[in-house]
Amino acid sequence: MNIKHDPLFNVSAVEKHYSEQDGVPVKYVCTSELARSNLPMDIFYRETPHPEFGNRYFGVFYESCQDTMMITGADTIEETDFAMVDVDGEWHYSSYRHDYKQFKDSNGRHLAIDGGRAYARGAGYEFFKIKDGEIVPN
């Protein structure tokens, strides 16, 4: 499945840093908000739970109030739906509330997606979920 992501950070660098630090492979999954609306973060996955915190997903985001990069547990990402649109074989999703994206495919069909995890609005979307670090059909 070819998915178009819009990450906030250099995901290869974050994967490398945390894989080396934790001694287990860490991979990028998506860029999304969690419970706090309009706070997108790059979400990463590790197969084994973190030995201290117990989570398999974590999110990396920019905290403007502190002018720094922050990290948080993100296991709740598996409880959310991802509405995505297929634009000529490339799937697109809205990362956060009011992250409106519109497209026109090669057949002239108009497609749109909005709402992040807060709601799904648009045209031509299908629902997906995240399971074991992968985006899969719902």
N, C-alpha and C. Protein backbone atom coordinates (compact mmCIF):
# COMPACT_ATOMS: atom_id res chain seq x y z
N MET A 1 0.86 -1.18 0.00
CA MET A 1 0.00 0.00 0.00
C MET A 1 0.90 1.23 0.00
N ASN A 2 0.71 2.09 -0.95
CA ASN A 2 1.51 3.31 -1.08
C ASN A 2 0.79 4.46 -0.37
N ILE A 3 1.34 4.91 0.76
CA ILE A 3 0.71 5.96 1.57
C ILE A 3 1.56 7.21 1.55
N LYS A 4 0.93 8.34 1.31
CA LYS A 4 1.61 9.64 1.30
C LYS A 4 1.53 10.21 2.71
N HIS A 5 2.69 10.35 3.33
CA HIS A 5 2.77 10.92 4.68
C HIS A 5 3.34 12.33 4.59
N ASP A 6 3.02 13.14 5.56
CA ASP A 6 3.57 14.49 5.69
C ASP A 6 4.20 14.62 7.08
N PRO A 7 5.36 13.97 7.29
CA PRO A 7 5.97 14.00 8.63
C PRO A 7 6.46 15.39 9.02
N LEU A 8 6.56 15.59 10.32
CA LEU A 8 7.02 16.86 10.88
C LEU A 8 8.55 16.91 10.99
N PHE A 9 9.15 15.75 11.22
CA PHE A 9 10.58 15.65 11.46
C PHE A 9 11.23 14.73 10.43
N ASN A 10 12.53 14.63 10.47
CA ASN A 10 13.27 13.68 9.65
C ASN A 10 13.07 12.31 10.28
N VAL A 11 12.13 11.52 9.75
CA VAL A 11 11.76 10.27 10.40
C VAL A 11 12.91 9.26 10.39
N SER A 12 13.74 9.27 9.39
CA SER A 12 14.89 8.35 9.36
C SER A 12 15.84 8.63 10.53
N ALA A 13 16.06 9.90 10.82
CA ALA A 13 16.93 10.27 11.94
C ALA A 13 16.31 9.86 13.28
N VAL A 14 15.00 10.04 13.42
CA VAL A 14 14.32 9.66 14.67
C VAL A 14 14.34 8.14 14.82
N GLU A 15 14.05 7.41 13.74
CA GLU A 15 14.11 5.94 13.78
C GLU A 15 15.50 5.47 14.21
N LYS A 16 16.54 6.03 13.61
CA LYS A 16 17.92 5.66 13.91
C LYS A 16 18.25 5.95 15.38
N HIS A 17 17.91 7.16 15.83
CA HIS A 17 18.21 7.57 17.21
C HIS A 17 17.58 6.61 18.23
N TYR A 18 16.27 6.38 18.12
CA TYR A 18 15.59 5.56 19.11
C TYR A 18 15.89 4.08 18.95
N SER A 19 16.15 3.61 17.74
CA SER A 19 16.56 2.21 17.54
C SER A 19 17.89 1.95 18.24
N GLU A 20 18.82 2.89 18.08
CA GLU A 20 20.13 2.75 18.74
C GLU A 20 20.01 2.93 20.25
N GLN A 21 19.24 3.89 20.68
CA GLN A 21 19.10 4.16 22.12
C GLN A 21 18.43 3.00 22.84
N ASP A 22 17.37 2.45 22.25
CA ASP A 22 16.60 1.41 22.92
C ASP A 22 17.05 -0.01 22.57
N GLY A 23 17.88 -0.17 21.54
CA GLY A 23 18.38 -1.48 21.17
C GLY A 23 17.37 -2.38 20.48
N VAL A 24 16.28 -1.78 19.98
CA VAL A 24 15.26 -2.52 19.21
C VAL A 24 14.87 -1.68 18.01
N PRO A 25 14.44 -2.33 16.91
CA PRO A 25 14.03 -1.55 15.74
C PRO A 25 12.81 -0.67 16.05
N VAL A 26 12.88 0.58 15.61
CA VAL A 26 11.80 1.54 15.74
C VAL A 26 11.47 2.02 14.34
N LYS A 27 10.16 2.06 14.01
CA LYS A 27 9.79 2.51 12.66
C LYS A 27 8.67 3.53 12.71
N TYR A 28 8.71 4.43 11.73
CA TYR A 28 7.68 5.46 11.56
C TYR A 28 6.40 4.80 11.09
N VAL A 29 5.27 5.26 11.63
CA VAL A 29 3.96 4.74 11.24
C VAL A 29 3.14 5.79 10.50
N CYS A 30 3.02 6.98 11.09
CA CYS A 30 2.18 8.02 10.50
C CYS A 30 2.42 9.34 11.22
N THR A 31 1.78 10.37 10.72
CA THR A 31 1.75 11.66 11.40
C THR A 31 0.29 11.93 11.73
N SER A 32 -0.01 12.10 13.00
CA SER A 32 -1.40 12.21 13.42
C SER A 32 -1.49 12.92 14.76
N GLU A 33 -2.69 13.38 15.06
CA GLU A 33 -2.97 13.85 16.40
C GLU A 33 -3.47 12.66 17.22
N LEU A 34 -3.47 12.81 18.52
CA LEU A 34 -4.08 11.81 19.41
C LEU A 34 -5.31 12.45 20.03
N ALA A 35 -5.46 12.39 21.33
CA ALA A 35 -6.63 12.95 22.00
C ALA A 35 -6.65 14.48 21.95
N ARG A 36 -5.50 15.10 21.99
CA ARG A 36 -5.41 16.57 21.97
C ARG A 36 -5.52 17.05 20.53
N SER A 37 -6.61 17.68 20.19
CA SER A 37 -6.83 18.12 18.81
C SER A 37 -5.81 19.15 18.37
N ASN A 38 -5.51 19.08 17.10
CA ASN A 38 -4.59 20.01 16.45
C ASN A 38 -3.18 20.00 17.02
N LEU A 39 -2.76 18.87 17.55
CA LEU A 39 -1.37 18.70 17.95
C LEU A 39 -0.83 17.48 17.20
N PRO A 40 -0.45 17.68 15.95
CA PRO A 40 0.07 16.55 15.18
C PRO A 40 1.44 16.12 15.69
N MET A 41 1.70 14.84 15.53
CA MET A 41 2.98 14.29 15.94
C MET A 41 3.34 13.15 15.00
N ASP A 42 4.63 12.91 14.86
CA ASP A 42 5.10 11.75 14.13
C ASP A 42 5.03 10.57 15.09
N ILE A 43 4.37 9.50 14.67
CA ILE A 43 4.16 8.35 15.53
C ILE A 43 5.03 7.19 15.06
N PHE A 44 5.70 6.58 16.02
CA PHE A 44 6.64 5.49 15.76
C PHE A 44 6.20 4.25 16.53
N TYR A 45 6.71 3.10 16.08
CA TYR A 45 6.30 1.81 16.64
C TYR A 45 7.52 0.94 16.92
N ARG A 46 7.44 0.18 17.99
CA ARG A 46 8.42 -0.85 18.31
C ARG A 46 7.63 -2.11 18.68
N GLU A 47 8.09 -3.28 18.24
CA GLU A 47 7.35 -4.52 18.48
C GLU A 47 7.23 -4.85 19.96
N THR A 48 8.28 -4.62 20.72
CA THR A 48 8.25 -4.96 22.14
C THR A 48 7.93 -3.72 22.97
N PRO A 49 7.15 -3.86 24.01
CA PRO A 49 6.84 -2.70 24.85
C PRO A 49 8.11 -2.10 25.45
N HIS A 50 8.10 -0.79 25.60
CA HIS A 50 9.22 -0.10 26.24
C HIS A 50 9.38 -0.66 27.65
N PRO A 51 10.61 -1.02 28.06
CA PRO A 51 10.80 -1.66 29.37
C PRO A 51 10.39 -0.79 30.56
N GLU A 52 10.48 0.53 30.43
CA GLU A 52 10.13 1.40 31.56
C GLU A 52 8.68 1.87 31.50
N PHE A 53 8.20 2.23 30.29
CA PHE A 53 6.88 2.86 30.16
C PHE A 53 5.80 1.91 29.66
N GLY A 54 6.17 0.78 29.05
CA GLY A 54 5.21 -0.23 28.63
C GLY A 54 4.50 0.03 27.32
N ASN A 55 4.81 1.12 26.64
CA ASN A 55 4.12 1.44 25.38
C ASN A 55 4.90 0.90 24.18
N ARG A 56 4.16 0.60 23.10
CA ARG A 56 4.79 0.17 21.84
C ARG A 56 4.82 1.31 20.83
N TYR A 57 3.94 2.30 20.98
CA TYR A 57 3.92 3.47 20.10
C TYR A 57 4.35 4.68 20.90
N PHE A 58 5.05 5.60 20.23
CA PHE A 58 5.33 6.89 20.85
C PHE A 58 5.24 7.97 19.78
N GLY A 59 4.90 9.16 20.22
CA GLY A 59 4.78 10.30 19.32
C GLY A 59 5.82 11.35 19.63
N VAL A 60 6.35 11.97 18.59
CA VAL A 60 7.33 13.04 18.71
C VAL A 60 6.68 14.29 18.13
N PHE A 61 6.69 15.37 18.90
CA PHE A 61 6.04 16.61 18.45
C PHE A 61 6.84 17.82 18.91
N TYR A 62 6.49 18.95 18.34
CA TYR A 62 7.14 20.21 18.71
C TYR A 62 6.25 20.96 19.69
N GLU A 63 6.79 21.27 20.84
CA GLU A 63 6.06 22.03 21.85
C GLU A 63 6.51 23.49 21.77
N SER A 64 5.65 24.32 21.17
CA SER A 64 6.03 25.72 20.92
C SER A 64 6.21 26.51 22.22
N CYS A 65 5.45 26.21 23.26
CA CYS A 65 5.57 26.95 24.52
C CYS A 65 6.97 26.78 25.13
N GLN A 66 7.54 25.61 24.93
CA GLN A 66 8.87 25.35 25.49
C GLN A 66 9.95 25.39 24.42
N ASP A 67 9.55 25.60 23.17
CA ASP A 67 10.47 25.65 22.04
C ASP A 67 11.38 24.42 22.02
N THR A 68 10.73 23.24 22.09
CA THR A 68 11.51 22.01 22.13
C THR A 68 10.74 20.84 21.53
N MET A 69 11.45 19.79 21.19
CA MET A 69 10.85 18.56 20.72
C MET A 69 10.47 17.73 21.94
N MET A 70 9.27 17.16 21.92
CA MET A 70 8.77 16.37 23.06
C MET A 70 8.40 14.98 22.58
N ILE A 71 8.28 14.05 23.52
CA ILE A 71 7.89 12.67 23.22
C ILE A 71 6.77 12.27 24.17
N THR A 72 5.82 11.45 23.68
CA THR A 72 4.71 10.99 24.50
C THR A 72 4.31 9.59 24.08
N GLY A 73 3.70 8.85 24.97
CA GLY A 73 3.15 7.55 24.63
C GLY A 73 2.01 7.72 23.64
N ALA A 74 1.87 6.77 22.71
CA ALA A 74 0.85 6.93 21.66
C ALA A 74 0.12 5.63 21.34
N ASP A 75 0.03 4.70 22.30
CA ASP A 75 -0.65 3.44 22.05
C ASP A 75 -2.11 3.61 21.63
N THR A 76 -2.73 4.71 22.00
CA THR A 76 -4.14 4.94 21.65
C THR A 76 -4.35 5.11 20.14
N ILE A 77 -3.28 5.22 19.37
CA ILE A 77 -3.42 5.37 17.92
C ILE A 77 -4.12 4.15 17.32
N GLU A 78 -4.00 2.99 17.96
CA GLU A 78 -4.68 1.79 17.45
C GLU A 78 -6.19 1.83 17.67
N GLU A 79 -6.67 2.77 18.46
CA GLU A 79 -8.10 2.89 18.75
C GLU A 79 -8.81 3.87 17.83
N THR A 80 -8.08 4.47 16.90
CA THR A 80 -8.66 5.50 16.06
C THR A 80 -8.82 5.03 14.61
N ASP A 81 -9.74 5.68 13.91
CA ASP A 81 -9.95 5.40 12.49
C ASP A 81 -9.16 6.39 11.65
N PHE A 82 -8.69 5.91 10.52
CA PHE A 82 -8.01 6.75 9.54
C PHE A 82 -8.85 6.76 8.28
N ALA A 83 -9.44 7.90 7.96
CA ALA A 83 -10.13 8.05 6.68
C ALA A 83 -9.08 8.45 5.66
N MET A 84 -9.03 7.72 4.54
CA MET A 84 -8.01 8.00 3.53
C MET A 84 -8.64 7.96 2.14
N VAL A 85 -8.06 8.72 1.22
CA VAL A 85 -8.52 8.72 -0.17
C VAL A 85 -7.41 8.18 -1.06
N ASP A 86 -7.82 7.41 -2.05
CA ASP A 86 -6.90 6.83 -3.03
C ASP A 86 -6.84 7.74 -4.25
N VAL A 87 -5.69 8.36 -4.45
CA VAL A 87 -5.48 9.24 -5.60
C VAL A 87 -4.49 8.54 -6.52
N ASP A 88 -5.01 7.86 -7.51
CA ASP A 88 -4.18 7.16 -8.51
C ASP A 88 -3.16 6.23 -7.85
N GLY A 89 -3.62 5.45 -6.86
CA GLY A 89 -2.75 4.46 -6.22
C GLY A 89 -1.95 4.97 -5.05
N GLU A 90 -2.08 6.24 -4.72
CA GLU A 90 -1.39 6.80 -3.56
C GLU A 90 -2.44 7.25 -2.55
N TRP A 91 -2.39 6.68 -1.34
CA TRP A 91 -3.36 6.98 -0.30
C TRP A 91 -2.93 8.20 0.50
N HIS A 92 -3.89 9.09 0.76
CA HIS A 92 -3.65 10.32 1.52
C HIS A 92 -4.60 10.36 2.72
N TYR A 93 -4.12 10.96 3.81
CA TYR A 93 -4.95 11.11 5.00
C TYR A 93 -4.74 12.50 5.59
N SER A 94 -5.69 12.92 6.38
CA SER A 94 -5.62 14.18 7.12
C SER A 94 -4.94 13.88 8.45
N SER A 95 -3.91 14.65 8.80
CA SER A 95 -3.15 14.37 10.02
C SER A 95 -3.81 14.90 11.29
N TYR A 96 -4.59 15.96 11.17
CA TYR A 96 -5.18 16.58 12.35
C TYR A 96 -6.44 17.34 11.95
N ARG A 97 -7.22 17.71 12.96
CA ARG A 97 -8.47 18.46 12.73
C ARG A 97 -8.17 19.69 11.88
N HIS A 98 -8.96 19.91 10.87
CA HIS A 98 -8.84 21.04 9.94
C HIS A 98 -7.63 20.94 9.01
N ASP A 99 -7.04 19.76 8.89
CA ASP A 99 -5.97 19.51 7.92
C ASP A 99 -6.67 19.05 6.63
N TYR A 100 -7.26 20.01 5.95
CA TYR A 100 -8.08 19.72 4.76
C TYR A 100 -7.19 19.55 3.53
N LYS A 101 -7.40 18.45 2.82
CA LYS A 101 -6.64 18.17 1.60
C LYS A 101 -7.61 17.80 0.50
N GLN A 102 -7.39 18.36 -0.67
CA GLN A 102 -8.24 18.01 -1.81
C GLN A 102 -7.38 17.64 -3.00
N PHE A 103 -7.94 16.78 -3.85
CA PHE A 103 -7.21 16.22 -4.97
C PHE A 103 -8.14 16.05 -6.17
N LYS A 104 -7.53 15.87 -7.32
CA LYS A 104 -8.25 15.50 -8.53
C LYS A 104 -7.43 14.37 -9.15
N ASP A 105 -8.06 13.19 -9.31
CA ASP A 105 -7.30 12.06 -9.85
C ASP A 105 -7.24 12.12 -11.37
N SER A 106 -6.57 11.15 -11.97
CA SER A 106 -6.36 11.16 -13.43
C SER A 106 -7.65 10.97 -14.21
N ASN A 107 -8.72 10.53 -13.55
CA ASN A 107 -10.03 10.39 -14.20
C ASN A 107 -10.89 11.65 -14.02
N GLY A 108 -10.32 12.67 -13.39
CA GLY A 108 -11.06 13.91 -13.16
C GLY A 108 -11.95 13.87 -11.94
N ARG A 109 -11.86 12.82 -11.17
CA ARG A 109 -12.69 12.67 -9.97
C ARG A 109 -12.13 13.55 -8.85
N HIS A 110 -13.01 14.30 -8.18
CA HIS A 110 -12.61 15.15 -7.07
C HIS A 110 -12.66 14.35 -5.77
N LEU A 111 -11.58 14.43 -5.02
CA LEU A 111 -11.45 13.72 -3.74
C LEU A 111 -11.02 14.71 -2.68
N ALA A 112 -11.42 14.45 -1.45
CA ALA A 112 -11.03 15.34 -0.35
C ALA A 112 -11.05 14.57 0.96
N ILE A 113 -10.23 15.03 1.89
CA ILE A 113 -10.22 14.44 3.23
C ILE A 113 -9.90 15.54 4.24
N ASP A 114 -10.55 15.46 5.41
CA ASP A 114 -10.39 16.46 6.45
C ASP A 114 -10.73 15.81 7.79
N GLY A 115 -10.22 16.36 8.87
CA GLY A 115 -10.65 15.98 10.20
C GLY A 115 -9.69 15.22 11.07
N GLY A 116 -8.58 14.74 10.50
CA GLY A 116 -7.64 13.98 11.33
C GLY A 116 -8.32 12.82 12.00
N ARG A 117 -8.11 12.66 13.31
CA ARG A 117 -8.77 11.59 14.06
C ARG A 117 -10.05 12.10 14.71
N ALA A 118 -10.31 13.41 14.65
CA ALA A 118 -11.48 13.99 15.30
C ALA A 118 -12.78 13.67 14.55
N TYR A 119 -12.74 13.69 13.23
CA TYR A 119 -13.91 13.40 12.40
C TYR A 119 -13.43 13.11 10.99
N ALA A 120 -14.32 12.56 10.18
CA ALA A 120 -13.99 12.31 8.77
C ALA A 120 -14.98 13.08 7.91
N ARG A 121 -14.43 13.91 7.06
CA ARG A 121 -15.25 14.69 6.13
C ARG A 121 -14.50 14.74 4.82
N GLY A 122 -15.22 14.64 3.73
CA GLY A 122 -14.56 14.71 2.43
C GLY A 122 -15.36 13.99 1.37
N ALA A 123 -14.67 13.50 0.36
CA ALA A 123 -15.32 12.80 -0.75
C ALA A 123 -14.43 11.66 -1.21
N GLY A 124 -15.01 10.46 -1.27
CA GLY A 124 -14.30 9.30 -1.79
C GLY A 124 -13.38 8.61 -0.81
N TYR A 125 -13.58 8.81 0.48
CA TYR A 125 -12.66 8.21 1.44
C TYR A 125 -13.11 6.81 1.90
N GLU A 126 -12.13 6.05 2.38
CA GLU A 126 -12.36 4.74 2.97
C GLU A 126 -11.68 4.73 4.33
N PHE A 127 -12.15 3.86 5.22
CA PHE A 127 -11.60 3.81 6.58
C PHE A 127 -10.53 2.73 6.73
N PHE A 128 -9.50 3.09 7.47
CA PHE A 128 -8.39 2.21 7.81
C PHE A 128 -8.14 2.33 9.30
N LYS A 129 -7.27 1.48 9.82
CA LYS A 129 -6.85 1.54 11.22
C LYS A 129 -5.37 1.19 11.28
N ILE A 130 -4.80 1.34 12.44
CA ILE A 130 -3.40 0.95 12.64
C ILE A 130 -3.40 -0.28 13.54
N LYS A 131 -2.67 -1.29 13.09
CA LYS A 131 -2.54 -2.54 13.84
C LYS A 131 -1.10 -3.01 13.75
N ASP A 132 -0.46 -3.20 14.88
CA ASP A 132 0.93 -3.69 14.93
C ASP A 132 1.86 -2.87 14.03
N GLY A 133 1.70 -1.56 14.09
CA GLY A 133 2.59 -0.66 13.37
C GLY A 133 2.32 -0.50 11.88
N GLU A 134 1.20 -1.01 11.40
CA GLU A 134 0.86 -0.93 9.98
C GLU A 134 -0.52 -0.32 9.81
N ILE A 135 -0.71 0.44 8.73
CA ILE A 135 -2.03 0.94 8.39
C ILE A 135 -2.70 -0.12 7.53
N VAL A 136 -3.85 -0.61 8.01
CA VAL A 136 -4.56 -1.72 7.36
C VAL A 136 -6.03 -1.36 7.16
N PRO A 137 -6.71 -2.02 6.19
CA PRO A 137 -8.14 -1.76 6.00
C PRO A 137 -8.93 -2.03 7.29
N ASN A 138 -9.94 -1.23 7.50
CA ASN A 138 -10.77 -1.34 8.70
C ASN A 138 -11.78 -2.45 8.55
